[in-house]
């Protein structure tokens, strides 16, 4: 049976006076120890409640899967059975009366080759069949040609003049690029790096394995420079259009160019988004980004924008 301290009968002053001094001293020590013990018990109870709550949280996290939380199915372990959708009672596939969805066929002007498939005899009586079907069933197959690239060699002859002995070499047409890749080959190279974030070495592997074109990472860098030059006019037009919008959002973040730390600045609008790499995060870089912009600029109150706003 447990008897709580508050349930014990009180000790009167007379009983305390009749108690020997050494007993009273011992009782005082016991009271002090009891107070300390009760304080420790209360603290242990608080810690136990915290630990119980933490254990419950960890058990919930361990037991979380795609069926009872927002975790994707790819994070489920092997011990989690695959989720099965509830049965609706309807048969599999498209339901009666639903609108069908079919692959859109290319128009005839975009088809490179036509193959006519006509039956020569009736499948029942084997009689010869003649004529044309005004509305044949169309089936299109898209294929990658065996040879994806075309290589043109320009042979520049050098001839000697019979009159003066001067040597003259033939020249390339102004539209012929001096680089190893033509414009239609440079365009996908720029897309692989800019849009699909492929490294220069991955681009080298792609061109070698898919297009059978051998090049070095240095060539990729030179081609990217040419692509940048080719789109420079379009980029400036997009910048002008973006700076004419009524509202824009601007921000900046660190951006490494090799081992040199730079800053990537961005101004986003509903029409176009401007990206600019600058050496610093100061007001000059901010002014270069939003020059001639007269609309409302949404920023994070970085002081470079404030200096730009007041012309500082």
Protein backbone atom coordinates (compact mmCIF):
# COMPACT_ATOMS: atom_id res chain seq x y z
CA UNK A 1 0.00 0.00 0.00
CA UNK A 2 1.30 3.45 -0.95
CA UNK A 3 0.85 6.31 1.50
CA UNK A 4 1.43 9.81 0.07
CA UNK A 5 3.21 12.41 2.11
CA UNK A 6 0.14 14.65 2.27
CA UNK A 7 -1.90 11.78 3.74
CA UNK A 8 0.31 11.41 6.85
CA UNK A 9 -1.11 12.88 10.09
CA UNK A 10 0.47 16.20 11.06
CA UNK A 11 3.00 16.35 13.94
CA UNK A 12 1.91 18.73 16.70
CA UNK A 13 4.22 21.20 18.42
CA UNK A 14 3.89 19.21 21.69
CA UNK A 15 5.04 16.01 20.01
CA UNK A 16 7.93 17.88 18.41
CA UNK A 17 8.96 19.35 21.82
CA UNK A 18 8.85 15.89 23.45
CA UNK A 19 11.02 14.41 20.70
CA UNK A 20 14.71 14.14 21.54
CA UNK A 21 16.94 16.64 19.73
CA UNK A 22 18.90 14.01 17.81
CA UNK A 23 15.60 12.51 16.51
CA UNK A 24 14.39 15.92 15.42
CA UNK A 25 17.70 16.45 13.58
CA UNK A 26 17.33 13.13 11.80
CA UNK A 27 13.75 13.92 10.86
CA UNK A 28 14.84 17.26 9.41
CA UNK A 29 17.46 15.48 7.25
CA UNK A 30 14.86 12.98 6.09
CA UNK A 31 12.46 15.81 5.19
CA UNK A 32 15.16 17.52 3.14
CA UNK A 33 16.04 14.27 1.37
CA UNK A 34 12.37 13.67 0.66
CA UNK A 35 11.98 17.12 -0.89
CA UNK A 36 15.00 16.52 -3.12
CA UNK A 37 13.72 13.06 -4.11
CA UNK A 38 10.30 14.39 -5.00
CA UNK A 39 11.91 17.08 -7.16
CA UNK A 40 13.94 14.41 -8.97
CA UNK A 41 10.84 12.28 -9.48
CA UNK A 42 8.99 15.24 -11.02
CA UNK A 43 11.89 15.95 -13.36
CA UNK A 44 12.09 12.27 -14.37
CA UNK A 45 8.38 12.28 -15.09
CA UNK A 46 8.80 15.34 -17.34
CA UNK A 47 11.72 13.78 -19.21
CA UNK A 48 9.82 10.53 -19.57
CA UNK A 49 6.90 12.37 -21.17
CA UNK A 50 9.28 14.11 -23.61
CA UNK A 51 10.98 10.83 -24.51
CA UNK A 52 7.63 9.12 -25.01
CA UNK A 53 6.53 11.89 -27.37
CA UNK A 54 9.82 11.67 -29.29
CA UNK A 55 9.60 7.89 -29.58
CA UNK A 56 6.05 8.20 -30.90
CA UNK A 57 7.21 10.76 -33.49
CA UNK A 58 10.13 8.56 -34.60
CA UNK A 59 7.88 5.51 -34.84
CA UNK A 60 5.49 7.54 -36.98
CA UNK A 61 8.34 8.59 -39.26
CA UNK A 62 9.71 5.04 -39.53
CA UNK A 63 6.27 3.71 -40.33
CA UNK A 64 5.51 6.42 -42.90
CA UNK A 65 5.13 5.27 -46.49
CA UNK A 66 3.32 6.30 -49.63
CA UNK A 67 0.03 4.86 -48.38
CA UNK A 68 -0.17 6.84 -45.11
CA UNK A 69 1.83 10.00 -45.86
CA UNK A 70 2.88 12.30 -48.68
CA UNK A 71 6.05 10.29 -49.36
CA UNK A 72 6.40 9.09 -52.99
CA UNK A 73 6.17 5.33 -53.67
CA UNK A 74 9.84 5.30 -54.72
CA UNK A 75 10.86 5.82 -51.06
CA UNK A 76 8.99 2.75 -49.79
CA UNK A 77 11.13 -0.09 -48.51
CA UNK A 78 10.89 -3.74 -49.53
CA UNK A 79 8.73 -4.56 -46.51
CA UNK A 80 5.98 -2.17 -47.63
CA UNK A 81 3.43 -3.95 -49.84
CA UNK A 82 2.56 -2.11 -53.05
CA UNK A 83 -0.55 -0.03 -52.80
CA UNK A 84 -3.53 -1.37 -54.68
CA UNK A 85 -6.30 0.93 -55.79
CA UNK A 86 -9.75 0.02 -54.65
CA UNK A 87 -11.92 -1.93 -57.05
CA UNK A 88 -14.62 0.13 -58.69
CA UNK A 89 -16.53 -2.82 -60.11
CA UNK A 90 -16.07 -1.54 -63.66
CA UNK A 91 -14.18 -3.48 -66.34
CA UNK A 92 -10.63 -2.51 -67.25
CA UNK A 93 -9.92 -0.12 -70.10
CA UNK A 94 -11.99 2.64 -71.64
CA UNK A 95 -15.57 2.79 -70.47
CA UNK A 96 -18.55 2.75 -72.80
CA UNK A 97 -19.39 6.19 -74.09
CA UNK A 98 -16.09 7.86 -73.13
CA UNK A 99 -14.36 10.17 -75.60
CA UNK A 100 -11.43 8.41 -77.24
CA UNK A 101 -7.88 9.81 -77.38
CA UNK A 102 -5.71 8.92 -80.35
CA UNK A 103 -2.22 9.81 -81.52
CA UNK A 104 -2.44 12.71 -83.94
CA UNK A 105 -1.14 11.84 -87.42
CA UNK A 106 1.14 14.19 -89.30
CA UNK A 107 -0.34 15.88 -92.39
CA UNK A 108 0.78 14.42 -95.75
CA UNK A 109 3.09 17.37 -96.47
CA UNK A 110 5.18 16.44 -93.42
CA UNK A 111 5.50 12.76 -94.37
CA UNK A 112 8.80 11.85 -96.09
CA UNK A 113 7.84 8.51 -97.57
CA UNK A 114 4.58 6.75 -98.50
CA UNK A 115 4.19 2.97 -98.78
CA UNK A 116 0.96 1.75 -100.38
CA UNK A 117 -0.33 -1.57 -99.05
CA UNK A 118 -3.08 -3.04 -101.29
CA UNK A 119 -4.59 -6.50 -101.09
CA UNK A 120 -4.23 -8.45 -104.35
CA UNK A 121 -7.01 -10.99 -103.74
CA UNK A 122 -10.24 -11.37 -101.77
CA UNK A 123 -9.67 -13.10 -98.45
CA UNK A 124 -12.80 -15.23 -98.95
CA UNK A 125 -13.06 -16.19 -102.63
CA UNK A 126 -9.51 -15.27 -103.73
CA UNK A 127 -10.81 -13.13 -106.63
CA UNK A 128 -8.43 -10.46 -107.88
CA UNK A 129 -8.93 -6.99 -106.39
CA UNK A 130 -8.46 -3.74 -108.32
CA UNK A 131 -8.91 -0.03 -107.65
CA UNK A 132 -8.06 2.38 -104.85
CA UNK A 133 -9.46 3.09 -101.39
CA UNK A 134 -10.40 6.80 -101.22
CA UNK A 135 -9.96 6.78 -97.42
CA UNK A 136 -7.29 4.19 -96.52
CA UNK A 137 -6.35 3.40 -92.94
CA UNK A 138 -3.23 5.45 -92.15
CA UNK A 139 -0.41 4.14 -89.97
CA UNK A 140 2.69 6.28 -89.42
CA UNK A 141 6.06 5.13 -88.06
CA UNK A 142 8.70 7.66 -86.98
CA UNK A 143 12.28 6.48 -87.34
CA UNK A 144 15.71 8.02 -86.93
CA UNK A 145 17.74 7.79 -90.15
CA UNK A 146 20.76 5.54 -90.12
CA UNK A 147 23.06 8.47 -90.86
CA UNK A 148 22.13 11.51 -88.79
CA UNK A 149 24.85 13.91 -89.92
CA UNK A 150 26.08 15.16 -93.26
CA UNK A 151 29.74 15.99 -93.69
CA UNK A 152 30.82 18.38 -96.44
CA UNK A 153 34.48 18.81 -97.33
CA UNK A 154 35.58 22.09 -98.90
CA UNK A 155 38.81 21.66 -100.83
CA UNK A 156 40.63 24.98 -101.10
CA UNK A 157 43.05 24.71 -104.03
CA UNK A 158 46.13 26.91 -104.23
CA UNK A 159 47.20 27.73 -107.79
CA UNK A 160 50.26 29.47 -109.20
CA UNK A 161 49.89 32.33 -111.63
CA UNK A 162 51.66 31.59 -114.94
CA UNK A 163 52.37 35.31 -115.47
CA UNK A 164 53.79 36.51 -112.13
CA UNK A 165 54.23 33.31 -110.15
CA UNK A 166 51.93 34.48 -107.34
CA UNK A 167 50.15 31.72 -105.39
CA UNK A 168 46.40 32.20 -104.79
CA UNK A 169 44.20 29.89 -102.71
CA UNK A 170 40.47 29.44 -103.17
CA UNK A 171 38.25 31.01 -100.50
CA UNK A 172 35.25 29.71 -98.62
CA UNK A 173 31.85 31.17 -99.33
CA UNK A 174 30.93 33.79 -96.70
CA UNK A 175 28.04 31.62 -95.48
CA UNK A 176 30.29 28.62 -94.81
CA UNK A 177 31.29 28.48 -91.10
CA UNK A 178 34.97 28.19 -90.26
CA UNK A 179 34.13 25.91 -87.31
CA UNK A 180 33.81 22.14 -87.59
CA UNK A 181 30.04 22.29 -86.90
CA UNK A 182 27.44 24.04 -88.98
CA UNK A 183 24.57 26.11 -87.55
CA UNK A 184 22.13 23.16 -87.37
CA UNK A 185 24.72 21.14 -85.42
CA UNK A 186 25.66 24.03 -83.13
CA UNK A 187 22.01 24.58 -82.14
CA UNK A 188 21.46 21.16 -80.45
CA UNK A 189 24.87 21.45 -78.80
CA UNK A 190 23.80 24.70 -77.16
CA UNK A 191 20.47 23.12 -76.16
CA UNK A 192 22.18 20.15 -74.51
CA UNK A 193 24.27 22.46 -72.32
CA UNK A 194 21.84 25.32 -71.72
CA UNK A 195 18.50 23.52 -71.47
CA UNK A 196 19.45 20.00 -70.37
CA UNK A 197 22.45 21.02 -68.18
CA UNK A 198 24.85 18.50 -69.71
CA UNK A 199 28.55 18.91 -69.01
CA UNK A 200 31.00 19.48 -71.84
CA UNK A 201 32.28 15.91 -71.52
CA UNK A 202 28.74 14.52 -71.64
CA UNK A 203 28.13 16.49 -74.84
CA UNK A 204 31.31 14.94 -76.28
CA UNK A 205 29.98 11.47 -75.41
CA UNK A 206 26.54 12.24 -76.87
CA UNK A 207 27.93 13.46 -80.19
CA UNK A 208 30.29 10.48 -80.42
CA UNK A 209 27.76 7.77 -79.49
CA UNK A 210 24.61 9.14 -81.17
CA UNK A 211 25.92 11.21 -84.08
CA UNK A 212 29.33 9.53 -84.63
CA UNK A 213 30.98 12.95 -84.44
CA UNK A 214 34.28 13.13 -82.56
CA UNK A 215 35.21 16.36 -80.78
CA UNK A 216 36.96 17.57 -77.63
CA UNK A 217 35.58 19.49 -74.63
CA UNK A 218 37.50 22.51 -75.92
CA UNK A 219 35.53 22.33 -79.17
CA UNK A 220 32.30 22.31 -77.16
CA UNK A 221 33.40 25.49 -75.38
CA UNK A 222 34.20 27.20 -78.70
CA UNK A 223 30.87 26.14 -80.21
CA UNK A 224 29.00 27.50 -77.17
CA UNK A 225 30.72 30.84 -77.69
CA UNK A 226 29.53 30.86 -81.31
CA UNK A 227 25.99 29.97 -80.21
CA UNK A 228 26.07 32.87 -77.75
CA UNK A 229 27.14 35.22 -80.53
CA UNK A 230 24.36 33.92 -82.79
CA UNK A 231 21.60 34.57 -80.24
CA UNK A 232 23.02 37.86 -78.93
CA UNK A 233 20.58 39.98 -80.94
CA UNK A 234 17.58 37.95 -79.75
CA UNK A 235 18.80 38.17 -76.15
CA UNK A 236 19.03 41.96 -76.32
CA UNK A 237 15.51 42.10 -77.78
CA UNK A 238 14.23 39.97 -74.89
CA UNK A 239 15.97 42.25 -72.37
CA UNK A 240 14.36 45.33 -73.91
CA UNK A 241 10.95 43.68 -73.83
CA UNK A 242 11.34 42.58 -70.20
CA UNK A 243 12.36 46.07 -69.07
CA UNK A 244 9.19 47.48 -70.61
CA UNK A 245 6.90 45.38 -68.40
CA UNK A 246 4.92 47.00 -65.55
CA UNK A 247 6.08 44.51 -62.88
CA UNK A 248 9.28 42.50 -62.47
CA UNK A 249 10.91 40.34 -59.78
CA UNK A 250 14.67 40.58 -59.20
CA UNK A 251 17.08 38.50 -57.16
CA UNK A 252 20.71 37.39 -57.09
CA UNK A 253 22.71 34.38 -55.92
CA UNK A 254 26.31 33.24 -55.86
CA UNK A 255 27.58 31.72 -59.10
CA UNK A 256 30.95 30.04 -59.59
CA UNK A 257 32.83 30.45 -62.87
CA UNK A 258 35.59 27.92 -62.51
CA UNK A 259 37.30 28.89 -59.24
CA UNK A 260 36.12 32.48 -59.35
CA UNK A 261 33.03 33.43 -57.38
CA UNK A 262 30.59 35.61 -59.28
CA UNK A 263 26.91 36.51 -58.92
CA UNK A 264 23.97 35.43 -61.04
CA UNK A 265 21.36 38.20 -61.30
CA UNK A 266 17.84 37.57 -62.56
CA UNK A 267 14.89 39.79 -63.46
CA UNK A 268 11.72 37.79 -64.16
CA UNK A 269 8.60 39.09 -65.90
CA UNK A 270 5.55 37.46 -67.44
CA UNK A 271 7.03 38.01 -70.91
CA UNK A 272 10.73 37.23 -70.53
CA UNK A 273 13.36 36.52 -67.87
CA UNK A 274 16.81 38.13 -67.87
CA UNK A 275 19.88 36.36 -66.48
CA UNK A 276 23.17 38.20 -66.08
CA UNK A 277 26.45 37.05 -64.48
CA UNK A 278 28.30 39.88 -62.70
CA UNK A 279 31.56 39.91 -60.69
CA UNK A 280 29.90 41.34 -57.57
CA UNK A 281 26.65 41.93 -55.69
CA UNK A 282 26.80 45.71 -55.63
CA UNK A 283 24.72 48.56 -56.93
CA UNK A 284 26.51 48.77 -60.30
CA UNK A 285 25.50 45.19 -61.09
CA UNK A 286 21.92 45.91 -59.99
CA UNK A 287 21.78 49.00 -62.21
CA UNK A 288 23.09 47.01 -65.18
CA UNK A 289 20.29 44.49 -64.66
CA UNK A 290 17.34 46.86 -64.35
CA UNK A 291 18.57 49.75 -66.48
CA UNK A 292 15.69 51.68 -68.11
CA UNK A 293 13.11 49.73 -66.08
CA UNK A 294 10.31 52.08 -64.96
CA UNK A 295 7.81 49.63 -63.47
CA UNK A 296 7.34 48.08 -60.03
CA UNK A 297 10.34 45.98 -58.96
CA UNK A 298 9.75 43.22 -56.38
CA UNK A 299 12.96 42.50 -54.41
CA UNK A 300 14.12 41.14 -51.04
CA UNK A 301 15.26 44.61 -49.87
CA UNK A 302 18.94 43.94 -50.52
CA UNK A 303 20.62 47.32 -50.20
CA UNK A 304 21.96 47.25 -53.78
CA UNK A 305 18.44 47.69 -55.09
CA UNK A 306 17.81 50.60 -52.72
CA UNK A 307 20.92 52.38 -53.95
CA UNK A 308 19.78 51.79 -57.49
CA UNK A 309 16.35 53.23 -56.74
CA UNK A 310 17.82 56.46 -55.36
CA UNK A 311 20.61 56.62 -57.92
CA UNK A 312 23.34 55.91 -55.35
